[in-house]
PDB file of N, CA and C in Angstrom:
ATOM      1  N   MET A   1     -38.028  47.221-146.352  1.00  0.00           N
ATOM      2  CA  MET A   1     -37.341  47.860-147.539  1.00  0.00           C
ATOM      3  C   MET A   1     -38.206  48.997-147.902  1.00  0.00           C
ATOM      4  N   LYS A   2     -37.678  50.259-147.987  1.00  0.00           N
ATOM      5  CA  LYS A   2     -38.413  51.410-148.293  1.00  0.00           C
ATOM      6  C   LYS A   2     -37.963  51.821-149.786  1.00  0.00           C
ATOM      7  N   ILE A   3     -38.941  52.069-150.628  1.00  0.00           N
ATOM      8  CA  ILE A   3     -38.669  52.493-152.013  1.00  0.00           C
ATOM      9  C   ILE A   3     -39.430  53.785-152.254  1.00  0.00           C
ATOM     10  N   VAL A   4     -38.657  54.739-152.684  1.00  0.00           N
ATOM     11  CA  VAL A   4     -39.240  56.101-153.009  1.00  0.00           C
ATOM     12  C   VAL A   4     -39.670  56.068-154.460  1.00  0.00           C
ATOM     13  N   ILE A   5     -40.940  56.545-154.703  1.00  0.00           N
ATOM     14  CA  ILE A   5     -41.444  56.680-156.132  1.00  0.00           C
ATOM     15  C   ILE A   5     -41.636  58.177-156.264  1.00  0.00           C
ATOM     16  N   GLN A   6     -41.110  58.656-157.391  1.00  0.00           N
ATOM     17  CA  GLN A   6     -41.324  60.097-157.761  1.00  0.00           C
ATOM     18  C   GLN A   6     -42.309  60.195-158.812  1.00  0.00           C
ATOM     19  N   ALA A   7     -43.138  61.204-158.789  1.00  0.00           N
ATOM     20  CA  ALA A   7     -44.151  61.441-159.874  1.00  0.00           C
ATOM     21  C   ALA A   7     -44.150  62.831-160.195  1.00  0.00           C
ATOM     22  N   GLU A   8     -44.331  63.076-161.514  1.00  0.00           N
ATOM     23  CA  GLU A   8     -44.370  64.394-162.096  1.00  0.00           C
ATOM     24  C   GLU A   8     -45.390  64.443-163.300  1.00  0.00           C
ATOM     25  N   ALA A   9     -46.100  65.547-163.453  1.00  0.00           N
ATOM     26  CA  ALA A   9     -47.005  65.739-164.511  1.00  0.00           C
ATOM     27  C   ALA A   9     -46.274  66.657-165.578  1.00  0.00           C
ATOM     28  N   ASP A  10     -46.539  66.282-166.901  1.00  0.00           N
ATOM     29  CA  ASP A  10     -45.997  67.169-167.850  1.00  0.00           C
ATOM     30  C   ASP A  10     -47.022  68.286-168.260  1.00  0.00           C
ATOM     31  N   ASP A  11     -46.827  69.056-169.142  1.00  0.00           N
ATOM     32  CA  ASP A  11     -47.669  70.195-169.480  1.00  0.00           C
ATOM     33  C   ASP A  11     -49.014  69.767-169.961  1.00  0.00           C
ATOM     34  N   SER A  12     -49.118  68.604-170.491  1.00  0.00           N
ATOM     35  CA  SER A  12     -50.430  68.094-171.004  1.00  0.00           C
ATOM     36  C   SER A  12     -51.205  67.442-169.955  1.00  0.00           C
ATOM     37  N   GLY A  13     -50.620  67.238-168.728  1.00  0.00           N
ATOM     38  CA  GLY A  13     -51.377  66.615-167.614  1.00  0.00           C
ATOM     39  C   GLY A  13     -51.107  65.107-167.588  1.00  0.00           C
ATOM     40  N   ILE A  14     -50.191  64.515-168.326  1.00  0.00           N
ATOM     41  CA  ILE A  14     -49.863  63.112-168.222  1.00  0.00           C
ATOM     42  C   ILE A  14     -48.857  62.948-167.115  1.00  0.00           C
ATOM     43  N   TRP A  15     -49.120  62.025-166.213  1.00  0.00           N
ATOM     44  CA  TRP A  15     -48.193  61.799-165.070  1.00  0.00           C
ATOM     45  C   TRP A  15     -47.246  60.667-165.451  1.00  0.00           C
ATOM     46  N   THR A  16     -45.958  60.873-164.978  1.00  0.00           N
ATOM     47  CA  THR A  16     -44.889  59.858-165.105  1.00  0.00           C
ATOM     48  C   THR A  16     -44.412  59.628-163.677  1.00  0.00           C
ATOM     49  N   ALA A  17     -44.260  58.362-163.343  1.00  0.00           N
ATOM     50  CA  ALA A  17     -43.727  57.888-162.090  1.00  0.00           C
ATOM     51  C   ALA A  17     -42.581  56.989-162.345  1.00  0.00           C
ATOM     52  N   TRP A  18     -41.605  57.014-161.445  1.00  0.00           N
ATOM     53  CA  TRP A  18     -40.362  56.237-161.551  1.00  0.00           C
ATOM     54  C   TRP A  18     -39.752  56.109-160.196  1.00  0.00           C
ATOM     55  N   SER A  19     -38.790  55.213-160.034  1.00  0.00           N
ATOM     56  CA  SER A  19     -38.084  55.067-158.781  1.00  0.00           C
ATOM     57  C   SER A  19     -36.571  54.996-159.034  1.00  0.00           C
ATOM     58  N   ASP A  20     -35.811  55.941-158.457  1.00  0.00           N
ATOM     59  CA  ASP A  20     -34.369  55.883-158.578  1.00  0.00           C
ATOM     60  C   ASP A  20     -33.838  54.691-157.776  1.00  0.00           C
ATOM     61  N   ASP A  21     -34.583  54.186-156.746  1.00  0.00           N
ATOM     62  CA  ASP A  21     -34.219  53.071-155.991  1.00  0.00           C
ATOM     63  C   ASP A  21     -34.257  51.793-156.794  1.00  0.00           C
ATOM     64  N   MET A  22     -35.162  51.708-157.717  1.00  0.00           N
ATOM     65  CA  MET A  22     -35.317  50.515-158.571  1.00  0.00           C
ATOM     66  C   MET A  22     -35.365  50.929-160.074  1.00  0.00           C
ATOM     67  N   PRO A  23     -34.229  51.191-160.620  1.00  0.00           N
ATOM     68  CA  PRO A  23     -34.149  51.708-162.011  1.00  0.00           C
ATOM     69  C   PRO A  23     -34.878  50.664-162.988  1.00  0.00           C
ATOM     70  N   GLY A  24     -35.494  51.218-163.966  1.00  0.00           N
ATOM     71  CA  GLY A  24     -36.206  50.436-164.957  1.00  0.00           C
ATOM     72  C   GLY A  24     -37.648  50.258-164.724  1.00  0.00           C
ATOM     73  N   HIS A  25     -38.124  50.674-163.613  1.00  0.00           N
ATOM     74  CA  HIS A  25     -39.552  50.593-163.331  1.00  0.00           C
ATOM     75  C   HIS A  25     -40.187  51.942-163.488  1.00  0.00           C
ATOM     76  N   MET A  26     -41.082  52.103-164.469  1.00  0.00           N
ATOM     77  CA  MET A  26     -41.721  53.362-164.750  1.00  0.00           C
ATOM     78  C   MET A  26     -43.123  53.241-165.115  1.00  0.00           C
ATOM     79  N   GLY A  27     -43.958  54.176-164.893  1.00  0.00           N
ATOM     80  CA  GLY A  27     -45.305  54.203-165.289  1.00  0.00           C
ATOM     81  C   GLY A  27     -45.821  55.526-165.713  1.00  0.00           C
ATOM     82  N   GLN A  28     -46.872  55.518-166.549  1.00  0.00           N
ATOM     83  CA  GLN A  28     -47.509  56.694-167.011  1.00  0.00           C
ATOM     84  C   GLN A  28     -48.932  56.526-166.947  1.00  0.00           C
ATOM     85  N   GLY A  29     -49.689  57.690-166.676  1.00  0.00           N
ATOM     86  CA  GLY A  29     -51.080  57.656-166.632  1.00  0.00           C
ATOM     87  C   GLY A  29     -51.711  58.993-166.601  1.00  0.00           C
ATOM     88  N   VAL A  30     -53.023  59.061-166.695  1.00  0.00           N
ATOM     89  CA  VAL A  30     -53.687  60.315-166.637  1.00  0.00           C
ATOM     90  C   VAL A  30     -53.841  60.949-165.243  1.00  0.00           C
ATOM     91  N   THR A  31     -53.619  60.043-164.263  1.00  0.00           N
ATOM     92  CA  THR A  31     -53.585  60.465-162.833  1.00  0.00           C
ATOM     93  C   THR A  31     -52.349  60.012-162.186  1.00  0.00           C
ATOM     94  N   ARG A  32     -51.968  60.736-161.100  1.00  0.00           N
ATOM     95  CA  ARG A  32     -50.751  60.367-160.352  1.00  0.00           C
ATOM     96  C   ARG A  32     -50.945  58.977-159.748  1.00  0.00           C
ATOM     97  N   GLY A  33     -52.152  58.638-159.300  1.00  0.00           N
ATOM     98  CA  GLY A  33     -52.356  57.351-158.758  1.00  0.00           C
ATOM     99  C   GLY A  33     -52.163  56.195-159.798  1.00  0.00           C
ATOM    100  N   GLU A  34     -52.621  56.415-160.975  1.00  0.00           N
ATOM    101  CA  GLU A  34     -52.475  55.467-162.001  1.00  0.00           C
ATOM    102  C   GLU A  34     -51.010  55.166-162.313  1.00  0.00           C
ATOM    103  N   ALA A  35     -50.282  56.264-162.467  1.00  0.00           N
ATOM    104  CA  ALA A  35     -48.864  56.109-162.777  1.00  0.00           C
ATOM    105  C   ALA A  35     -48.091  55.343-161.640  1.00  0.00           C
ATOM    106  N   THR A  36     -48.373  55.793-160.425  1.00  0.00           N
ATOM    107  CA  THR A  36     -47.669  55.165-159.320  1.00  0.00           C
ATOM    108  C   THR A  36     -48.008  53.742-159.088  1.00  0.00           C
ATOM    109  N   ARG A  37     -49.323  53.386-159.362  1.00  0.00           N
ATOM    110  CA  ARG A  37     -49.702  51.968-159.268  1.00  0.00           C
ATOM    111  C   ARG A  37     -48.999  51.123-160.211  1.00  0.00           C
ATOM    112  N   MET A  38     -48.726  51.649-161.445  1.00  0.00           N
ATOM    113  CA  MET A  38     -47.986  50.820-162.436  1.00  0.00           C
ATOM    114  C   MET A  38     -46.585  50.531-161.947  1.00  0.00           C
ATOM    115  N   VAL A  39     -45.912  51.553-161.293  1.00  0.00           N
ATOM    116  CA  VAL A  39     -44.561  51.366-160.780  1.00  0.00           C
ATOM    117  C   VAL A  39     -44.637  50.339-159.622  1.00  0.00           C
ATOM    118  N   LYS A  40     -45.596  50.459-158.743  1.00  0.00           N
ATOM    119  CA  LYS A  40     -45.669  49.554-157.480  1.00  0.00           C
ATOM    120  C   LYS A  40     -45.914  48.142-158.040  1.00  0.00           C
ATOM    121  N   ARG A  41     -46.745  48.020-159.021  1.00  0.00           N
ATOM    122  CA  ARG A  41     -47.049  46.637-159.528  1.00  0.00           C
ATOM    123  C   ARG A  41     -45.864  45.983-160.187  1.00  0.00           C
ATOM    124  N   SER A  42     -45.117  46.793-160.920  1.00  0.00           N
ATOM    125  CA  SER A  42     -43.848  46.353-161.634  1.00  0.00           C
ATOM    126  C   SER A  42     -42.817  45.916-160.585  1.00  0.00           C
ATOM    127  N   ILE A  43     -42.631  46.764-159.559  1.00  0.00           N
ATOM    128  CA  ILE A  43     -41.581  46.463-158.511  1.00  0.00           C
ATOM    129  C   ILE A  43     -42.060  45.230-157.747  1.00  0.00           C
ATOM    130  N   ASN A  44     -43.303  45.115-157.399  1.00  0.00           N
ATOM    131  CA  ASN A  44     -43.809  43.986-156.580  1.00  0.00           C
ATOM    132  C   ASN A  44     -43.648  42.663-157.428  1.00  0.00           C
ATOM    133  N   GLN A  45     -43.872  42.708-158.711  1.00  0.00           N
ATOM    134  CA  GLN A  45     -43.745  41.541-159.566  1.00  0.00           C
ATOM    135  C   GLN A  45     -42.267  41.037-159.655  1.00  0.00           C
ATOM    136  N   ALA A  46     -41.422  42.093-159.790  1.00  0.00           N
ATOM    137  CA  ALA A  46     -39.942  41.838-159.883  1.00  0.00           C
ATOM    138  C   ALA A  46     -39.431  41.246-158.494  1.00  0.00           C
ATOM    139  N   HIS A  47     -39.964  41.760-157.446  1.00  0.00           N
ATOM    140  CA  HIS A  47     -39.582  41.279-156.102  1.00  0.00           C
ATOM    141  C   HIS A  47     -40.025  39.891-155.929  1.00  0.00           C
ATOM    142  N   ALA A  48     -41.185  39.514-156.355  1.00  0.00           N
ATOM    143  CA  ALA A  48     -41.770  38.187-156.189  1.00  0.00           C
ATOM    144  C   ALA A  48     -41.002  37.170-156.988  1.00  0.00           C
ATOM    145  N   GLN A  49     -40.593  37.643-158.278  1.00  0.00           N
ATOM    146  CA  GLN A  49     -39.740  36.763-159.106  1.00  0.00           C
ATOM    147  C   GLN A  49     -38.387  36.455-158.474  1.00  0.00           C
ATOM    148  N   LEU A  50     -37.805  37.574-157.835  1.00  0.00           N
ATOM    149  CA  LEU A  50     -36.537  37.385-157.204  1.00  0.00           C
ATOM    150  C   LEU A  50     -36.642  36.429-156.060  1.00  0.00           C
ATOM    151  N   LEU A  51     -37.698  36.532-155.206  1.00  0.00           N
ATOM    152  CA  LEU A  51     -37.888  35.601-154.070  1.00  0.00           C
ATOM    153  C   LEU A  51     -38.004  34.181-154.551  1.00  0.00           C
ATOM    154  N   LYS A  52     -38.864  34.017-155.653  1.00  0.00           N
ATOM    155  CA  LYS A  52     -39.105  32.678-156.196  1.00  0.00           C
ATOM    156  C   LYS A  52     -37.806  32.047-156.722  1.00  0.00           C
ATOM    157  N   SER A  53     -36.970  32.901-157.424  1.00  0.00           N
ATOM    158  CA  SER A  53     -35.793  32.351-157.958  1.00  0.00           C
ATOM    159  C   SER A  53     -34.727  32.002-156.974  1.00  0.00           C
ATOM    160  N   THR A  54     -34.807  32.614-155.817  1.00  0.00           N
ATOM    161  CA  THR A  54     -33.848  32.344-154.767  1.00  0.00           C
ATOM    162  C   THR A  54     -34.325  31.239-153.785  1.00  0.00           C
ATOM    163  N   GLY A  55     -35.511  30.710-154.068  1.00  0.00           N
ATOM    164  CA  GLY A  55     -35.999  29.571-153.289  1.00  0.00           C
ATOM    165  C   GLY A  55     -36.794  29.933-152.105  1.00  0.00           C
ATOM    166  N   VAL A  56     -37.207  31.155-151.906  1.00  0.00           N
ATOM    167  CA  VAL A  56     -38.054  31.568-150.824  1.00  0.00           C
ATOM    168  C   VAL A  56     -39.478  31.023-151.118  1.00  0.00           C
ATOM    169  N   GLU A  57     -39.996  30.308-150.148  1.00  0.00           N
ATOM    170  CA  GLU A  57     -41.328  29.687-150.358  1.00  0.00           C
ATOM    171  C   GLU A  57     -42.501  30.762-150.158  1.00  0.00           C
ATOM    172  N   ALA A  58     -43.525  30.487-150.864  1.00  0.00           N
ATOM    173  CA  ALA A  58     -44.757  31.356-150.701  1.00  0.00           C
ATOM    174  C   ALA A  58     -45.203  31.256-149.252  1.00  0.00           C
ATOM    175  N   GLY A  59     -45.521  32.344-148.719  1.00  0.00           N
ATOM    176  CA  GLY A  59     -45.998  32.393-147.387  1.00  0.00           C
ATOM    177  C   GLY A  59     -44.898  32.594-146.362  1.00  0.00           C
ATOM    178  N   SER A  60     -43.661  32.575-146.732  1.00  0.00           N
ATOM    179  CA  SER A  60     -42.529  32.708-145.871  1.00  0.00           C
ATOM    180  C   SER A  60     -42.497  34.256-145.488  1.00  0.00           C
ATOM    181  N   GLU A  61     -42.041  34.538-144.320  1.00  0.00           N
ATOM    182  CA  GLU A  61     -41.966  35.902-143.785  1.00  0.00           C
ATOM    183  C   GLU A  61     -40.677  36.622-144.495  1.00  0.00           C
ATOM    184  N   VAL A  62     -40.992  37.711-145.165  1.00  0.00           N
ATOM    185  CA  VAL A  62     -39.956  38.503-145.762  1.00  0.00           C
ATOM    186  C   VAL A  62     -40.256  39.947-145.450  1.00  0.00           C
ATOM    187  N   GLU A  63     -39.215  40.740-145.561  1.00  0.00           N
ATOM    188  CA  GLU A  63     -39.357  42.234-145.252  1.00  0.00           C
ATOM    189  C   GLU A  63     -40.270  42.821-146.287  1.00  0.00           C
ATOM    190  N   PRO A  64     -41.428  43.447-145.839  1.00  0.00           N
ATOM    191  CA  PRO A  64     -42.287  44.089-146.793  1.00  0.00           C
ATOM    192  C   PRO A  64     -41.731  45.280-147.496  1.00  0.00           C
ATOM    193  N   ILE A  65     -42.235  45.564-148.615  1.00  0.00           N
ATOM    194  CA  ILE A  65     -41.837  46.769-149.354  1.00  0.00           C
ATOM    195  C   ILE A  65     -42.732  47.940-148.927  1.00  0.00           C
ATOM    196  N   VAL A  66     -42.148  48.960-148.526  1.00  0.00           N
ATOM    197  CA  VAL A  66     -42.941  50.211-148.114  1.00  0.00           C
ATOM    198  C   VAL A  66     -42.644  51.241-149.168  1.00  0.00           C
ATOM    199  N   PHE A  67     -43.699  51.758-149.797  1.00  0.00           N
ATOM    200  CA  PHE A  67     -43.565  52.761-150.767  1.00  0.00           C
ATOM    201  C   PHE A  67     -43.825  54.175-150.224  1.00  0.00           C
ATOM    202  N   GLU A  68     -43.034  55.088-150.679  1.00  0.00           N
ATOM    203  CA  GLU A  68     -43.272  56.504-150.370  1.00  0.00           C
ATOM    204  C   GLU A  68     -43.322  57.161-151.709  1.00  0.00           C
ATOM    205  N   VAL A  69     -44.403  57.929-151.884  1.00  0.00           N
ATOM    206  CA  VAL A  69     -44.580  58.618-153.193  1.00  0.00           C
ATOM    207  C   VAL A  69     -44.303  60.140-153.007  1.00  0.00           C
ATOM    208  N   ARG A  70     -43.531  60.643-153.757  1.00  0.00           N
ATOM    209  CA  ARG A  70     -43.134  62.087-153.737  1.00  0.00           C
ATOM    210  C   ARG A  70     -43.617  62.707-155.031  1.00  0.00           C
ATOM    211  N   THR A  71     -44.270  63.858-155.005  1.00  0.00           N
ATOM    212  CA  THR A  71     -44.708  64.609-156.138  1.00  0.00           C
ATOM    213  C   THR A  71     -43.782  65.717-156.387  1.00  0.00           C
ATOM    214  N   LEU A  72     -43.208  65.748-157.624  1.00  0.00           N
ATOM    215  CA  LEU A  72     -42.287  66.804-157.943  1.00  0.00           C
ATOM    216  C   LEU A  72     -43.083  67.945-158.574  1.00  0.00           C
ATOM    217  N   SER A  73     -42.649  69.192-158.390  1.00  0.00           N
ATOM    218  CA  SER A  73     -43.343  70.267-158.928  1.00  0.00           C
ATOM    219  C   SER A  73     -42.846  70.767-160.275  1.00  0.00           C
TER     220      SER A  73
END
């Protein structure tokens, strides 16, 4: 599963990251990396909860999430 994360800095240098592929997951930070890590962590936690609620056992093989980060100008 590929999820695109978009990141953009405002005029004050604060970065905001989000994913149109997974609405509701957003992060902000003083660096692009900090903001995107927040989004990745949020998406990974939601994915783990979904797998758990559907009965997928820990250690089972599942399709990994691949993140692509795009910086907007």
